[in-house]
Amino acid sequence: MEFRIIKAPSQGAIDILMRRKGSARTETPPCMEAVGLVQGRMIEMVVAADIAEKAVGVTVEDIRGSCPQNMILLAIFGDTASVESALRDIKNKAEEGMDIC
């Protein structure tokens, strides 16, 4: 998996993500102080989304790539500390083999 964080994302970066988000929801996530990006295989992204959604203060969206049926990128929106915490949780679980039982 690859990880990146954008602190204080530009309006252009937000616009790109909003155009490519996979959910039918039209609203913009409530807090966009930071955006965490996680890219990997679909199975990893489903587990990563679950881990991130359990973190406090973040909103998770799948971002469509060139093959809309394959979720390969997640955007995690929230305040900087919450996004960093969600990314850290995902990385830690990945190192443990992503067993989340």
C-alpha atoms as a PDB file:
ATOM      1  CA  MET A   1       0.000   0.000   0.000  1.00  0.00           C
ATOM      2  CA  GLU A   2       1.013   3.573  -0.581  1.00  0.00           C
ATOM      3  CA  PHE A   3       0.185   6.415   1.800  1.00  0.00           C
ATOM      4  CA  ARG A   4       0.192  10.192   1.381  1.00  0.00           C
ATOM      5  CA  ILE A   5      -1.249  13.081   3.344  1.00  0.00           C
ATOM      6  CA  ILE A   6      -2.184  16.509   2.054  1.00  0.00           C
ATOM      7  CA  LYS A   7      -2.344  19.119   4.798  1.00  0.00           C
ATOM      8  CA  ALA A   8      -4.475  22.154   3.928  1.00  0.00           C
ATOM      9  CA  PRO A   9      -5.462  20.788   0.494  1.00  0.00           C
ATOM     10  CA  SER A  10      -5.941  23.298  -2.316  1.00  0.00           C
ATOM     11  CA  GLN A  11      -9.384  23.842  -3.802  1.00  0.00           C
ATOM     12  CA  GLY A  12      -8.154  22.220  -7.025  1.00  0.00           C
ATOM     13  CA  ALA A  13      -7.140  19.025  -5.189  1.00  0.00           C
ATOM     14  CA  ILE A  14     -10.490  18.948  -3.378  1.00  0.00           C
ATOM     15  CA  ASP A  15     -12.350  19.450  -6.670  1.00  0.00           C
ATOM     16  CA  ILE A  16     -10.510  16.504  -8.267  1.00  0.00           C
ATOM     17  CA  LEU A  17     -11.352  14.241  -5.344  1.00  0.00           C
ATOM     18  CA  MET A  18     -15.006  15.338  -5.236  1.00  0.00           C
ATOM     19  CA  ARG A  19     -15.438  14.664  -8.975  1.00  0.00           C
ATOM     20  CA  ARG A  20     -13.947  11.181  -8.631  1.00  0.00           C
ATOM     21  CA  LYS A  21     -15.503  10.016  -5.372  1.00  0.00           C
ATOM     22  CA  GLY A  22     -17.434   6.797  -5.634  1.00  0.00           C
ATOM     23  CA  SER A  23     -20.336   7.529  -3.312  1.00  0.00           C
ATOM     24  CA  ALA A  24     -23.622   8.928  -4.474  1.00  0.00           C
ATOM     25  CA  ARG A  25     -23.502  11.502  -1.709  1.00  0.00           C
ATOM     26  CA  THR A  26     -23.230  14.975  -3.159  1.00  0.00           C
ATOM     27  CA  GLU A  27     -22.198  16.827  -0.043  1.00  0.00           C
ATOM     28  CA  THR A  28     -18.636  17.745   0.711  1.00  0.00           C
ATOM     29  CA  PRO A  29     -17.162  16.112   3.831  1.00  0.00           C
ATOM     30  CA  PRO A  30     -17.595  18.409   6.837  1.00  0.00           C
ATOM     31  CA  CYS A  31     -13.899  18.841   7.623  1.00  0.00           C
ATOM     32  CA  MET A  32     -11.132  19.035   5.044  1.00  0.00           C
ATOM     33  CA  GLU A  33      -8.199  20.330   7.023  1.00  0.00           C
ATOM     34  CA  ALA A  34      -6.254  17.315   5.723  1.00  0.00           C
ATOM     35  CA  VAL A  35      -6.737  14.469   3.248  1.00  0.00           C
ATOM     36  CA  GLY A  36      -5.084  11.096   3.678  1.00  0.00           C
ATOM     37  CA  LEU A  37      -4.685   9.039   0.518  1.00  0.00           C
ATOM     38  CA  VAL A  38      -4.266   5.273   0.631  1.00  0.00           C
ATOM     39  CA  GLN A  39      -3.750   3.206  -2.508  1.00  0.00           C
ATOM     40  CA  GLY A  40      -3.581  -0.552  -2.824  1.00  0.00           C
ATOM     41  CA  ARG A  41      -5.371  -3.726  -3.790  1.00  0.00           C
ATOM     42  CA  MET A  42      -9.125  -3.833  -3.388  1.00  0.00           C
ATOM     43  CA  ILE A  43      -9.056  -6.235  -0.440  1.00  0.00           C
ATOM     44  CA  GLU A  44      -6.614  -3.955   1.358  1.00  0.00           C
ATOM     45  CA  MET A  45      -8.761  -0.895   0.652  1.00  0.00           C
ATOM     46  CA  VAL A  46     -11.911  -2.461   2.101  1.00  0.00           C
ATOM     47  CA  VAL A  47     -10.050  -3.362   5.306  1.00  0.00           C
ATOM     48  CA  ALA A  48      -8.330   0.051   5.367  1.00  0.00           C
ATOM     49  CA  ALA A  49     -11.707   1.787   4.990  1.00  0.00           C
ATOM     50  CA  ASP A  50     -13.048  -0.200   7.940  1.00  0.00           C
ATOM     51  CA  ILE A  51     -10.059   0.762  10.094  1.00  0.00           C
ATOM     52  CA  ALA A  52     -10.267   4.427   9.087  1.00  0.00           C
ATOM     53  CA  GLU A  53     -14.031   4.626   9.628  1.00  0.00           C
ATOM     54  CA  LYS A  54     -13.497   3.432  13.206  1.00  0.00           C
ATOM     55  CA  ALA A  55     -11.188   6.400  13.815  1.00  0.00           C
ATOM     56  CA  VAL A  56     -12.800   9.467  15.352  1.00  0.00           C
ATOM     57  CA  GLY A  57     -13.304  12.569  13.234  1.00  0.00           C
ATOM     58  CA  VAL A  58     -12.753  11.286   9.690  1.00  0.00           C
ATOM     59  CA  THR A  59     -14.877  10.691   6.609  1.00  0.00           C
ATOM     60  CA  VAL A  60     -13.787   7.989   4.139  1.00  0.00           C
ATOM     61  CA  GLU A  61     -14.538   8.023   0.413  1.00  0.00           C
ATOM     62  CA  ASP A  62     -13.477   5.626  -2.311  1.00  0.00           C
ATOM     63  CA  ILE A  63     -11.961   7.430  -5.285  1.00  0.00           C
ATOM     64  CA  ARG A  64     -12.583   6.056  -8.758  1.00  0.00           C
ATOM     65  CA  GLY A  65      -9.619   5.321 -10.951  1.00  0.00           C
ATOM     66  CA  SER A  66      -9.591   4.354 -14.602  1.00  0.00           C
ATOM     67  CA  CYS A  67     -11.585   1.189 -13.820  1.00  0.00           C
ATOM     68  CA  PRO A  68     -14.646   2.373 -11.850  1.00  0.00           C
ATOM     69  CA  GLN A  69     -15.496  -1.140 -10.666  1.00  0.00           C
ATOM     70  CA  ASN A  70     -12.163  -1.390  -8.809  1.00  0.00           C
ATOM     71  CA  MET A  71     -11.717   0.637  -5.647  1.00  0.00           C
ATOM     72  CA  ILE A  72      -7.982   1.238  -5.473  1.00  0.00           C
ATOM     73  CA  LEU A  73      -7.750   4.610  -3.708  1.00  0.00           C
ATOM     74  CA  LEU A  74      -9.266   5.909  -0.490  1.00  0.00           C
ATOM     75  CA  ALA A  75      -9.479   9.541   0.562  1.00  0.00           C
ATOM     76  CA  ILE A  76      -9.710  10.103   4.299  1.00  0.00           C
ATOM     77  CA  PHE A  77     -10.965  13.601   5.154  1.00  0.00           C
ATOM     78  CA  GLY A  78     -10.780  15.300   8.535  1.00  0.00           C
ATOM     79  CA  ASP A  79      -8.669  17.418  10.815  1.00  0.00           C
ATOM     80  CA  THR A  80      -4.937  16.816  10.562  1.00  0.00           C
ATOM     81  CA  ALA A  81      -4.578  14.887  13.827  1.00  0.00           C
ATOM     82  CA  SER A  82      -7.516  12.578  13.027  1.00  0.00           C
ATOM     83  CA  VAL A  83      -6.296  11.842   9.500  1.00  0.00           C
ATOM     84  CA  GLU A  84      -2.764  11.159  10.756  1.00  0.00           C
ATOM     85  CA  SER A  85      -4.193   8.838  13.424  1.00  0.00           C
ATOM     86  CA  ALA A  86      -6.317   6.942  10.869  1.00  0.00           C
ATOM     87  CA  LEU A  87      -3.305   6.506   8.553  1.00  0.00           C
ATOM     88  CA  ARG A  88      -1.165   5.334  11.465  1.00  0.00           C
ATOM     89  CA  ASP A  89      -3.841   2.780  12.445  1.00  0.00           C
ATOM     90  CA  ILE A  90      -3.992   1.456   8.873  1.00  0.00           C
ATOM     91  CA  LYS A  91      -0.189   1.193   8.650  1.00  0.00           C
ATOM     92  CA  ASN A  92       0.001  -0.601  12.002  1.00  0.00           C
ATOM     93  CA  LYS A  93      -2.676  -3.111  10.984  1.00  0.00           C
ATOM     94  CA  ALA A  94      -0.941  -3.635   7.632  1.00  0.00           C
ATOM     95  CA  GLU A  95       2.284  -4.513   9.447  1.00  0.00           C
ATOM     96  CA  GLU A  96       0.319  -6.972  11.604  1.00  0.00           C
ATOM     97  CA  GLY A  97      -1.179  -8.616   8.523  1.00  0.00           C
ATOM     98  CA  MET A  98      -4.435  -6.612   8.678  1.00  0.00           C
ATOM     99  CA  ASP A  99      -6.150  -9.102  10.973  1.00  0.00           C
ATOM    100  CA  ILE A 100      -8.944  -7.011  12.464  1.00  0.00           C
ATOM    101  CA  CYS A 101     -10.999  -9.674  14.222  1.00  0.00           C
END
